[in-house]
PDB file of N, CA and C in Angstrom:
ATOM      1  N   MET A   1    -136.821  40.146 273.224  1.00  0.00           N
ATOM      2  CA  MET A   1    -136.357  40.403 274.582  1.00  0.00           C
ATOM      3  C   MET A   1    -134.970  39.797 274.793  1.00  0.00           C
ATOM      4  N   LYS A   2    -134.776  38.544 274.357  1.00  0.00           N
ATOM      5  CA  LYS A   2    -133.487  37.874 274.517  1.00  0.00           C
ATOM      6  C   LYS A   2    -132.395  38.628 273.760  1.00  0.00           C
ATOM      7  N   ALA A   3    -132.715  39.126 272.576  1.00  0.00           N
ATOM      8  CA  ALA A   3    -131.747  39.883 271.783  1.00  0.00           C
ATOM      9  C   ALA A   3    -131.354  41.173 272.500  1.00  0.00           C
ATOM     10  N   LEU A   4    -132.316  41.819 273.138  1.00  0.00           N
ATOM     11  CA  LEU A   4    -132.035  43.047 273.878  1.00  0.00           C
ATOM     12  C   LEU A   4    -131.094  42.778 275.044  1.00  0.00           C
ATOM     13  N   ILE A   5    -131.322  41.696 275.761  1.00  0.00           N
ATOM     14  CA  ILE A   5    -130.454  41.338 276.887  1.00  0.00           C
ATOM     15  C   ILE A   5    -129.049  41.052 276.395  1.00  0.00           C
ATOM     16  N   ILE A   6    -128.917  40.314 275.314  1.00  0.00           N
ATOM     17  CA  ILE A   6    -127.588  40.008 274.758  1.00  0.00           C
ATOM     18  C   ILE A   6    -126.901  41.289 274.317  1.00  0.00           C
ATOM     19  N   PHE A   7    -127.645  42.187 273.677  1.00  0.00           N
ATOM     20  CA  PHE A   7    -127.071  43.463 273.251  1.00  0.00           C
ATOM     21  C   PHE A   7    -126.575  44.269 274.441  1.00  0.00           C
ATOM     22  N   LEU A   8    -127.384  44.349 275.494  1.00  0.00           N
ATOM     23  CA  LEU A   8    -126.995  45.111 276.678  1.00  0.00           C
ATOM     24  C   LEU A   8    -125.774  44.509 277.363  1.00  0.00           C
ATOM     25  N   MET A   9    -125.701  43.184 277.391  1.00  0.00           N
ATOM     26  CA  MET A   9    -124.525  42.532 277.972  1.00  0.00           C
ATOM     27  C   MET A   9    -123.291  42.857 277.149  1.00  0.00           C
ATOM     28  N   PHE A  10    -123.398  42.775 275.832  1.00  0.00           N
ATOM     29  CA  PHE A  10    -122.268  43.077 274.960  1.00  0.00           C
ATOM     30  C   PHE A  10    -121.843  44.535 275.108  1.00  0.00           C
ATOM     31  N   ALA A  11    -122.820  45.435 275.152  1.00  0.00           N
ATOM     32  CA  ALA A  11    -122.519  46.854 275.305  1.00  0.00           C
ATOM     33  C   ALA A  11    -121.809  47.109 276.630  1.00  0.00           C
ATOM     34  N   GLY A  12    -122.229  46.418 277.676  1.00  0.00           N
ATOM     35  CA  GLY A  12    -121.574  46.577 278.975  1.00  0.00           C
ATOM     36  C   GLY A  12    -120.126  46.129 278.944  1.00  0.00           C
ATOM     37  N   PHE A  13    -119.855  45.012 278.285  1.00  0.00           N
ATOM     38  CA  PHE A  13    -118.479  44.534 278.175  1.00  0.00           C
ATOM     39  C   PHE A  13    -117.640  45.485 277.335  1.00  0.00           C
ATOM     40  N   SER A  14    -118.218  46.045 276.303  1.00  0.00           N
ATOM     41  CA  SER A  14    -117.490  46.980 275.449  1.00  0.00           C
ATOM     42  C   SER A  14    -117.115  48.238 276.217  1.00  0.00           C
ATOM     43  N   VAL A  15    -118.037  48.758 277.002  1.00  0.00           N
ATOM     44  CA  VAL A  15    -117.751  49.946 277.794  1.00  0.00           C
ATOM     45  C   VAL A  15    -116.677  49.642 278.827  1.00  0.00           C
ATOM     46  N   ALA A  16    -116.757  48.489 279.470  1.00  0.00           N
ATOM     47  CA  ALA A  16    -115.752  48.119 280.474  1.00  0.00           C
ATOM     48  C   ALA A  16    -114.372  48.018 279.837  1.00  0.00           C
ATOM     49  N   ALA A  17    -114.291  47.443 278.656  1.00  0.00           N
ATOM     50  CA  ALA A  17    -113.002  47.319 277.978  1.00  0.00           C
ATOM     51  C   ALA A  17    -112.440  48.684 277.617  1.00  0.00           C
ATOM     52  N   MET A  18    -113.293  49.622 277.237  1.00  0.00           N
ATOM     53  CA  MET A  18    -112.820  50.960 276.874  1.00  0.00           C
ATOM     54  C   MET A  18    -112.370  51.739 278.095  1.00  0.00           C
ATOM     55  N   CYS A  19    -112.893  51.421 279.271  1.00  0.00           N
ATOM     56  CA  CYS A  19    -112.571  52.171 280.480  1.00  0.00           C
ATOM     57  C   CYS A  19    -111.257  51.742 281.120  1.00  0.00           C
ATOM     58  N   GLN A  20    -110.729  50.596 280.741  1.00  0.00           N
ATOM     59  CA  GLN A  20    -109.484  50.136 281.335  1.00  0.00           C
ATOM     60  C   GLN A  20    -108.345  51.042 280.891  1.00  0.00           C
ATOM     61  N   HIS A  21    -107.503  51.415 281.816  1.00  0.00           N
ATOM     62  CA  HIS A  21    -106.388  52.274 281.443  1.00  0.00           C
ATOM     63  C   HIS A  21    -105.123  51.433 281.269  1.00  0.00           C
ATOM     64  N   GLU A  22    -104.210  51.963 280.520  1.00  0.00           N
ATOM     65  CA  GLU A  22    -102.946  51.277 280.254  1.00  0.00           C
ATOM     66  C   GLU A  22    -102.030  51.477 281.458  1.00  0.00           C
ATOM     67  N   VAL A  23    -101.591  50.384 282.070  1.00  0.00           N
ATOM     68  CA  VAL A  23    -100.740  50.448 283.258  1.00  0.00           C
ATOM     69  C   VAL A  23     -99.304  50.746 282.836  1.00  0.00           C
ATOM     70  N   ASN A  24     -98.673  51.644 283.547  1.00  0.00           N
ATOM     71  CA  ASN A  24     -97.280  52.005 283.308  1.00  0.00           C
ATOM     72  C   ASN A  24     -96.396  50.764 283.498  1.00  0.00           C
ATOM     73  N   PRO A  25     -95.520  50.458 282.536  1.00  0.00           N
ATOM     74  CA  PRO A  25     -94.663  49.269 282.653  1.00  0.00           C
ATOM     75  C   PRO A  25     -93.774  49.266 283.903  1.00  0.00           C
ATOM     76  N   GLN A  26     -93.305  50.436 284.323  1.00  0.00           N
ATOM     77  CA  GLN A  26     -92.492  50.497 285.541  1.00  0.00           C
ATOM     78  C   GLN A  26     -93.320  50.114 286.758  1.00  0.00           C
ATOM     79  N   ALA A  27     -94.574  50.521 286.781  1.00  0.00           N
ATOM     80  CA  ALA A  27     -95.458  50.157 287.888  1.00  0.00           C
ATOM     81  C   ALA A  27     -95.654  48.645 287.914  1.00  0.00           C
ATOM     82  N   LYS A  28     -95.795  48.041 286.738  1.00  0.00           N
ATOM     83  CA  LYS A  28     -95.941  46.581 286.658  1.00  0.00           C
ATOM     84  C   LYS A  28     -94.703  45.883 287.221  1.00  0.00           C
ATOM     85  N   GLU A  29     -93.520  46.421 286.923  1.00  0.00           N
ATOM     86  CA  GLU A  29     -92.279  45.839 287.450  1.00  0.00           C
ATOM     87  C   GLU A  29     -92.276  45.862 288.972  1.00  0.00           C
ATOM     88  N   HIS A  30     -92.656  46.999 289.540  1.00  0.00           N
ATOM     89  CA  HIS A  30     -92.655  47.105 291.001  1.00  0.00           C
ATOM     90  C   HIS A  30     -93.689  46.164 291.628  1.00  0.00           C
ATOM     91  N   LEU A  31     -94.825  46.001 290.978  1.00  0.00           N
ATOM     92  CA  LEU A  31     -95.803  45.029 291.481  1.00  0.00           C
ATOM     93  C   LEU A  31     -95.198  43.633 291.477  1.00  0.00           C
ATOM     94  N   TYR A  32     -94.538  43.273 290.382  1.00  0.00           N
ATOM     95  CA  TYR A  32     -93.903  41.960 290.278  1.00  0.00           C
ATOM     96  C   TYR A  32     -92.850  41.780 291.381  1.00  0.00           C
ATOM     97  N   TYR A  33     -91.997  42.791 291.577  1.00  0.00           N
ATOM     98  CA  TYR A  33     -90.976  42.705 292.632  1.00  0.00           C
ATOM     99  C   TYR A  33     -91.636  42.567 294.004  1.00  0.00           C
ATOM    100  N   GLY A  34     -92.721  43.284 294.203  1.00  0.00           N
ATOM    101  CA  GLY A  34     -93.435  43.196 295.474  1.00  0.00           C
ATOM    102  C   GLY A  34     -93.989  41.807 295.722  1.00  0.00           C
ATOM    103  N   ILE A  35     -94.549  41.202 294.686  1.00  0.00           N
ATOM    104  CA  ILE A  35     -95.088  39.844 294.822  1.00  0.00           C
ATOM    105  C   ILE A  35     -93.958  38.874 295.166  1.00  0.00           C
ATOM    106  N   LYS A  36     -92.834  39.006 294.490  1.00  0.00           N
ATOM    107  CA  LYS A  36     -91.689  38.116 294.764  1.00  0.00           C
ATOM    108  C   LYS A  36     -91.197  38.296 296.200  1.00  0.00           C
ATOM    109  N   LYS A  37     -91.099  39.530 296.649  1.00  0.00           N
ATOM    110  CA  LYS A  37     -90.648  39.780 298.025  1.00  0.00           C
ATOM    111  C   LYS A  37     -91.648  39.238 299.044  1.00  0.00           C
ATOM    112  N   GLU A  38     -92.935  39.402 298.756  1.00  0.00           N
ATOM    113  CA  GLU A  38     -93.953  38.889 299.668  1.00  0.00           C
ATOM    114  C   GLU A  38     -93.879  37.368 299.753  1.00  0.00           C
ATOM    115  N   GLN A  39     -93.655  36.711 298.630  1.00  0.00           N
ATOM    116  CA  GLN A  39     -93.539  35.252 298.614  1.00  0.00           C
ATOM    117  C   GLN A  39     -92.352  34.769 299.446  1.00  0.00           C
ATOM    118  N   LYS A  40     -91.321  35.598 299.544  1.00  0.00           N
ATOM    119  CA  LYS A  40     -90.133  35.244 300.327  1.00  0.00           C
ATOM    120  C   LYS A  40     -90.263  35.661 301.790  1.00  0.00           C
ATOM    121  N   GLY A  41     -91.377  36.274 302.145  1.00  0.00           N
ATOM    122  CA  GLY A  41     -91.583  36.690 303.527  1.00  0.00           C
ATOM    123  C   GLY A  41     -91.033  38.065 303.843  1.00  0.00           C
ATOM    124  N   ASP A  42     -90.567  38.788 302.831  1.00  0.00           N
ATOM    125  CA  ASP A  42     -90.054  40.144 303.020  1.00  0.00           C
ATOM    126  C   ASP A  42     -91.221  41.115 302.874  1.00  0.00           C
ATOM    127  N   TYR A  43     -92.028  41.217 303.918  1.00  0.00           N
ATOM    128  CA  TYR A  43     -93.249  42.008 303.849  1.00  0.00           C
ATOM    129  C   TYR A  43     -92.970  43.509 303.773  1.00  0.00           C
ATOM    130  N   GLU A  44     -91.945  43.967 304.467  1.00  0.00           N
ATOM    131  CA  GLU A  44     -91.597  45.384 304.406  1.00  0.00           C
ATOM    132  C   GLU A  44     -91.131  45.755 303.000  1.00  0.00           C
ATOM    133  N   GLY A  45     -90.309  44.887 302.408  1.00  0.00           N
ATOM    134  CA  GLY A  45     -89.849  45.129 301.041  1.00  0.00           C
ATOM    135  C   GLY A  45     -90.994  45.098 300.048  1.00  0.00           C
ATOM    136  N   ALA A  46     -91.920  44.175 300.243  1.00  0.00           N
ATOM    137  CA  ALA A  46     -93.092  44.089 299.367  1.00  0.00           C
ATOM    138  C   ALA A  46     -93.947  45.344 299.486  1.00  0.00           C
ATOM    139  N   LEU A  47     -94.131  45.810 300.707  1.00  0.00           N
ATOM    140  CA  LEU A  47     -94.908  47.024 300.934  1.00  0.00           C
ATOM    141  C   LEU A  47     -94.283  48.207 300.192  1.00  0.00           C
ATOM    142  N   GLU A  48     -92.972  48.313 300.244  1.00  0.00           N
ATOM    143  CA  GLU A  48     -92.275  49.392 299.540  1.00  0.00           C
ATOM    144  C   GLU A  48     -92.486  49.291 298.031  1.00  0.00           C
ATOM    145  N   GLU A  49     -92.407  48.084 297.490  1.00  0.00           N
ATOM    146  CA  GLU A  49     -92.585  47.895 296.047  1.00  0.00           C
ATOM    147  C   GLU A  49     -94.010  48.217 295.612  1.00  0.00           C
ATOM    148  N   TYR A  50     -94.991  47.767 296.370  1.00  0.00           N
ATOM    149  CA  TYR A  50     -96.383  48.077 296.028  1.00  0.00           C
ATOM    150  C   TYR A  50     -96.625  49.584 296.073  1.00  0.00           C
ATOM    151  N   THR A  51     -96.046  50.236 297.073  1.00  0.00           N
ATOM    152  CA  THR A  51     -96.198  51.684 297.199  1.00  0.00           C
ATOM    153  C   THR A  51     -95.541  52.395 296.028  1.00  0.00           C
ATOM    154  N   LYS A  52     -94.372  51.936 295.598  1.00  0.00           N
ATOM    155  CA  LYS A  52     -93.716  52.527 294.421  1.00  0.00           C
ATOM    156  C   LYS A  52     -94.595  52.370 293.186  1.00  0.00           C
ATOM    157  N   ALA A  53     -95.198  51.210 293.026  1.00  0.00           N
ATOM    158  CA  ALA A  53     -96.080  50.978 291.879  1.00  0.00           C
ATOM    159  C   ALA A  53     -97.231  51.980 291.879  1.00  0.00           C
ATOM    160  N   ILE A  54     -97.802  52.235 293.048  1.00  0.00           N
ATOM    161  CA  ILE A  54     -98.919  53.176 293.164  1.00  0.00           C
ATOM    162  C   ILE A  54     -98.444  54.607 292.926  1.00  0.00           C
ATOM    163  N   GLN A  55     -97.251  54.936 293.381  1.00  0.00           N
ATOM    164  CA  GLN A  55     -96.712  56.275 293.147  1.00  0.00           C
ATOM    165  C   GLN A  55     -96.494  56.527 291.658  1.00  0.00           C
ATOM    166  N   ILE A  56     -96.095  55.495 290.926  1.00  0.00           N
ATOM    167  CA  ILE A  56     -95.874  55.626 289.486  1.00  0.00           C
ATOM    168  C   ILE A  56     -97.196  55.695 288.738  1.00  0.00           C
ATOM    169  N   ASP A  57     -98.159  54.877 289.146  1.00  0.00           N
ATOM    170  CA  ASP A  57     -99.460  54.819 288.477  1.00  0.00           C
ATOM    171  C   ASP A  57    -100.551  54.817 289.536  1.00  0.00           C
ATOM    172  N   GLU A  58    -101.099  55.976 289.790  1.00  0.00           N
ATOM    173  CA  GLU A  58    -102.082  56.146 290.869  1.00  0.00           C
ATOM    174  C   GLU A  58    -103.398  55.426 290.614  1.00  0.00           C
ATOM    175  N   GLU A  59    -103.591  54.865 289.420  1.00  0.00           N
ATOM    176  CA  GLU A  59    -104.823  54.141 289.107  1.00  0.00           C
ATOM    177  C   GLU A  59    -104.578  52.640 288.965  1.00  0.00           C
ATOM    178  N   TYR A  60    -103.483  52.140 289.500  1.00  0.00           N
ATOM    179  CA  TYR A  60    -103.105  50.736 289.345  1.00  0.00           C
ATOM    180  C   TYR A  60    -103.824  49.895 290.393  1.00  0.00           C
ATOM    181  N   ALA A  61    -104.972  49.382 290.021  1.00  0.00           N
ATOM    182  CA  ALA A  61    -105.843  48.654 290.941  1.00  0.00           C
ATOM    183  C   ALA A  61    -105.158  47.439 291.559  1.00  0.00           C
ATOM    184  N   ASP A  62    -104.386  46.691 290.771  1.00  0.00           N
ATOM    185  CA  ASP A  62    -103.721  45.495 291.289  1.00  0.00           C
ATOM    186  C   ASP A  62    -102.751  45.836 292.415  1.00  0.00           C
ATOM    187  N   ALA A  63    -102.052  46.955 292.273  1.00  0.00           N
ATOM    188  CA  ALA A  63    -101.093  47.364 293.309  1.00  0.00           C
ATOM    189  C   ALA A  63    -101.818  47.733 294.596  1.00  0.00           C
ATOM    190  N   TYR A  64    -102.941  48.444 294.473  1.00  0.00           N
ATOM    191  CA  TYR A  64    -103.734  48.755 295.666  1.00  0.00           C
ATOM    192  C   TYR A  64    -104.222  47.470 296.332  1.00  0.00           C
ATOM    193  N   TYR A  65    -104.686  46.547 295.526  1.00  0.00           N
ATOM    194  CA  TYR A  65    -105.197  45.286 296.068  1.00  0.00           C
ATOM    195  C   TYR A  65    -104.095  44.533 296.826  1.00  0.00           C
ATOM    196  N   ASN A  66    -102.948  44.374 296.180  1.00  0.00           N
ATOM    197  CA  ASN A  66    -101.863  43.624 296.824  1.00  0.00           C
ATOM    198  C   ASN A  66    -101.380  44.309 298.091  1.00  0.00           C
ATOM    199  N   ARG A  67    -101.258  45.642 298.048  1.00  0.00           N
ATOM    200  CA  ARG A  67    -100.814  46.357 299.245  1.00  0.00           C
ATOM    201  C   ARG A  67    -101.856  46.243 300.343  1.00  0.00           C
ATOM    202  N   GLY A  68    -103.121  46.365 299.980  1.00  0.00           N
ATOM    203  CA  GLY A  68    -104.186  46.252 300.973  1.00  0.00           C
ATOM    204  C   GLY A  68    -104.209  44.886 301.631  1.00  0.00           C
ATOM    205  N   MET A  69    -104.104  43.845 300.829  1.00  0.00           N
ATOM    206  CA  MET A  69    -104.109  42.492 301.380  1.00  0.00           C
ATOM    207  C   MET A  69    -102.884  42.246 302.257  1.00  0.00           C
ATOM    208  N   LEU A  70    -101.741  42.767 301.846  1.00  0.00           N
ATOM    209  CA  LEU A  70    -100.529  42.633 302.659  1.00  0.00           C
ATOM    210  C   LEU A  70    -100.730  43.294 304.019  1.00  0.00           C
ATOM    211  N   LEU A  71    -101.271  44.498 304.016  1.00  0.00           N
ATOM    212  CA  LEU A  71    -101.499  45.197 305.282  1.00  0.00           C
ATOM    213  C   LEU A  71    -102.493  44.458 306.159  1.00  0.00           C
ATOM    214  N   LEU A  72    -103.535  43.910 305.553  1.00  0.00           N
ATOM    215  CA  LEU A  72    -104.559  43.206 306.332  1.00  0.00           C
ATOM    216  C   LEU A  72    -104.075  41.862 306.862  1.00  0.00           C
ATOM    217  N   GLN A  73    -103.272  41.167 306.093  1.00  0.00           N
ATOM    218  CA  GLN A  73    -102.848  39.824 306.496  1.00  0.00           C
ATOM    219  C   GLN A  73    -101.558  39.802 307.307  1.00  0.00           C
ATOM    220  N   HIS A  74    -100.691  40.782 307.095  1.00  0.00           N
ATOM    221  CA  HIS A  74     -99.387  40.729 307.754  1.00  0.00           C
ATOM    222  C   HIS A  74     -99.040  41.994 308.530  1.00  0.00           C
ATOM    223  N   GLY A  75     -99.914  42.985 308.480  1.00  0.00           N
ATOM    224  CA  GLY A  75     -99.632  44.240 309.168  1.00  0.00           C
ATOM    225  C   GLY A  75    -100.133  44.240 310.597  1.00  0.00           C
ATOM    226  N   GLU A  76     -99.727  45.251 311.317  1.00  0.00           N
ATOM    227  CA  GLU A  76    -100.204  45.448 312.680  1.00  0.00           C
ATOM    228  C   GLU A  76    -101.687  45.836 312.639  1.00  0.00           C
ATOM    229  N   ALA A  77    -102.367  45.661 313.735  1.00  0.00           N
ATOM    230  CA  ALA A  77    -103.805  45.948 313.800  1.00  0.00           C
ATOM    231  C   ALA A  77    -104.116  47.402 313.445  1.00  0.00           C
ATOM    232  N   ASP A  78    -103.222  48.326 313.809  1.00  0.00           N
ATOM    233  CA  ASP A  78    -103.484  49.740 313.517  1.00  0.00           C
ATOM    234  C   ASP A  78    -103.360  50.070 312.026  1.00  0.00           C
ATOM    235  N   LEU A  79    -102.865  49.124 311.226  1.00  0.00           N
ATOM    236  CA  LEU A  79    -102.756  49.333 309.778  1.00  0.00           C
ATOM    237  C   LEU A  79    -103.996  48.859 309.017  1.00  0.00           C
ATOM    238  N   LYS A  80    -104.926  48.201 309.732  1.00  0.00           N
ATOM    239  CA  LYS A  80    -106.126  47.668 309.085  1.00  0.00           C
ATOM    240  C   LYS A  80    -106.910  48.725 308.302  1.00  0.00           C
ATOM    241  N   PRO A  81    -107.115  49.935 308.849  1.00  0.00           N
ATOM    242  CA  PRO A  81    -107.860  50.939 308.058  1.00  0.00           C
ATOM    243  C   PRO A  81    -107.180  51.276 306.730  1.00  0.00           C
ATOM    244  N   TYR A  82    -105.848  51.245 306.709  1.00  0.00           N
ATOM    245  CA  TYR A  82    -105.130  51.529 305.469  1.00  0.00           C
ATOM    246  C   TYR A  82    -105.303  50.390 304.466  1.00  0.00           C
ATOM    247  N   GLY A  83    -105.307  49.172 304.957  1.00  0.00           N
ATOM    248  CA  GLY A  83    -105.553  48.024 304.088  1.00  0.00           C
ATOM    249  C   GLY A  83    -106.945  48.071 303.498  1.00  0.00           C
ATOM    250  N   CYS A  84    -107.925  48.417 304.328  1.00  0.00           N
ATOM    251  CA  CYS A  84    -109.305  48.528 303.846  1.00  0.00           C
ATOM    252  C   CYS A  84    -109.439  49.659 302.833  1.00  0.00           C
ATOM    253  N   SER A  85    -108.747  50.754 303.070  1.00  0.00           N
ATOM    254  CA  SER A  85    -108.767  51.872 302.129  1.00  0.00           C
ATOM    255  C   SER A  85    -108.165  51.465 300.781  1.00  0.00           C
ATOM    256  N   ASP A  86    -107.080  50.693 300.832  1.00  0.00           N
ATOM    257  CA  ASP A  86    -106.473  50.217 299.586  1.00  0.00           C
ATOM    258  C   ASP A  86    -107.419  49.296 298.825  1.00  0.00           C
ATOM    259  N   LEU A  87    -108.144  48.449 299.526  1.00  0.00           N
ATOM    260  CA  LEU A  87    -109.113  47.590 298.845  1.00  0.00           C
ATOM    261  C   LEU A  87    -110.220  48.426 298.213  1.00  0.00           C
ATOM    262  N   GLN A  88    -110.626  49.484 298.876  1.00  0.00           N
ATOM    263  CA  GLN A  88    -111.630  50.380 298.299  1.00  0.00           C
ATOM    264  C   GLN A  88    -111.090  51.046 297.029  1.00  0.00           C
ATOM    265  N   MET A  89    -109.829  51.436 297.048  1.00  0.00           N
ATOM    266  CA  MET A  89    -109.227  52.041 295.852  1.00  0.00           C
ATOM    267  C   MET A  89    -109.148  51.019 294.726  1.00  0.00           C
ATOM    268  N   ALA A  90    -108.797  49.786 295.050  1.00  0.00           N
ATOM    269  CA  ALA A  90    -108.746  48.732 294.035  1.00  0.00           C
ATOM    270  C   ALA A  90    -110.120  48.540 293.402  1.00  0.00           C
ATOM    271  N   MET A  91    -111.160  48.545 294.226  1.00  0.00           N
ATOM    272  CA  MET A  91    -112.524  48.432 293.701  1.00  0.00           C
ATOM    273  C   MET A  91    -112.860  49.636 292.826  1.00  0.00           C
ATOM    274  N   HIS A  92    -112.494  50.813 293.286  1.00  0.00           N
ATOM    275  CA  HIS A  92    -112.769  52.040 292.545  1.00  0.00           C
ATOM    276  C   HIS A  92    -112.162  51.990 291.140  1.00  0.00           C
ATOM    277  N   TYR A  93    -110.961  51.424 291.044  1.00  0.00           N
ATOM    278  CA  TYR A  93    -110.276  51.353 289.759  1.00  0.00           C
ATOM    279  C   TYR A  93    -110.569  50.064 289.003  1.00  0.00           C
ATOM    280  N   GLY A  94    -111.572  49.315 289.450  1.00  0.00           N
ATOM    281  CA  GLY A  94    -112.087  48.222 288.646  1.00  0.00           C
ATOM    282  C   GLY A  94    -111.625  46.820 288.975  1.00  0.00           C
ATOM    283  N   TYR A  95    -110.944  46.618 290.101  1.00  0.00           N
ATOM    284  CA  TYR A  95    -110.515  45.270 290.466  1.00  0.00           C
ATOM    285  C   TYR A  95    -111.623  44.636 291.305  1.00  0.00           C
ATOM    286  N   THR A  96    -112.522  43.929 290.647  1.00  0.00           N
ATOM    287  CA  THR A  96    -113.719  43.416 291.307  1.00  0.00           C
ATOM    288  C   THR A  96    -113.470  42.395 292.417  1.00  0.00           C
ATOM    289  N   PRO A  97    -112.419  41.546 292.354  1.00  0.00           N
ATOM    290  CA  PRO A  97    -112.211  40.626 293.489  1.00  0.00           C
ATOM    291  C   PRO A  97    -111.970  41.342 294.819  1.00  0.00           C
ATOM    292  N   ALA A  98    -111.594  42.597 294.765  1.00  0.00           N
ATOM    293  CA  ALA A  98    -111.347  43.348 295.999  1.00  0.00           C
ATOM    294  C   ALA A  98    -112.619  43.506 296.821  1.00  0.00           C
ATOM    295  N   SER A  99    -113.773  43.476 296.174  1.00  0.00           N
ATOM    296  CA  SER A  99    -115.011  43.685 296.933  1.00  0.00           C
ATOM    297  C   SER A  99    -115.273  42.558 297.928  1.00  0.00           C
ATOM    298  N   SER A 100    -115.027  41.316 297.528  1.00  0.00           N
ATOM    299  CA  SER A 100    -115.255  40.216 298.471  1.00  0.00           C
ATOM    300  C   SER A 100    -114.229  40.230 299.597  1.00  0.00           C
ATOM    301  N   MET A 101    -112.991  40.596 299.279  1.00  0.00           N
ATOM    302  CA  MET A 101    -111.966  40.681 300.330  1.00  0.00           C
ATOM    303  C   MET A 101    -112.283  41.833 301.284  1.00  0.00           C
ATOM    304  N   HIS A 102    -112.778  42.933 300.738  1.00  0.00           N
ATOM    305  CA  HIS A 102    -113.157  44.070 301.582  1.00  0.00           C
ATOM    306  C   HIS A 102    -114.288  43.647 302.513  1.00  0.00           C
ATOM    307  N   TYR A 103    -115.239  42.910 301.985  1.00  0.00           N
ATOM    308  CA  TYR A 103    -116.347  42.430 302.809  1.00  0.00           C
ATOM    309  C   TYR A 103    -115.830  41.500 303.910  1.00  0.00           C
ATOM    310  N   ASN A 104    -114.914  40.602 303.564  1.00  0.00           N
ATOM    311  CA  ASN A 104    -114.391  39.636 304.544  1.00  0.00           C
ATOM    312  C   ASN A 104    -113.538  40.282 305.626  1.00  0.00           C
ATOM    313  N   TYR A 105    -112.735  41.260 305.272  1.00  0.00           N
ATOM    314  CA  TYR A 105    -111.769  41.822 306.218  1.00  0.00           C
ATOM    315  C   TYR A 105    -112.204  43.119 306.874  1.00  0.00           C
ATOM    316  N   CYS A 106    -113.065  43.878 306.216  1.00  0.00           N
ATOM    317  CA  CYS A 106    -113.298  45.252 306.664  1.00  0.00           C
ATOM    318  C   CYS A 106    -114.691  45.511 307.217  1.00  0.00           C
ATOM    319  N   ASN A 107    -115.538  44.520 307.239  1.00  0.00           N
ATOM    320  CA  ASN A 107    -116.885  44.700 307.798  1.00  0.00           C
ATOM    321  C   ASN A 107    -116.952  44.048 309.168  1.00  0.00           C
ATOM    322  N   ASP A 108    -116.685  44.826 310.174  1.00  0.00           N
ATOM    323  CA  ASP A 108    -116.688  44.291 311.555  1.00  0.00           C
ATOM    324  C   ASP A 108    -118.074  44.257 312.117  1.00  0.00           C
TER     325      ASP A 108
END
């Protein structure tokens, strides 16, 4: 029984590793620029960079997560649904920390 559980755990990790997609290097650059701008308080600039990253790579979970969190923490109240949607996309593309943030921010 213990061997079966270990095998199933290993098989699950192997499948997860095979499902990860290769992120476009340009998208990674825009995510990095967005993080730097957000750290400096340039939220509009960060939003633009995160959006560019997503436009380049529509499956870039980290970019969805960062944009969603930016909208939820620094955006106007009417932007909350977009932030929650971005967290859902991040979860969809495999960024598991997004689920707890979605629960904290999007479950009224």
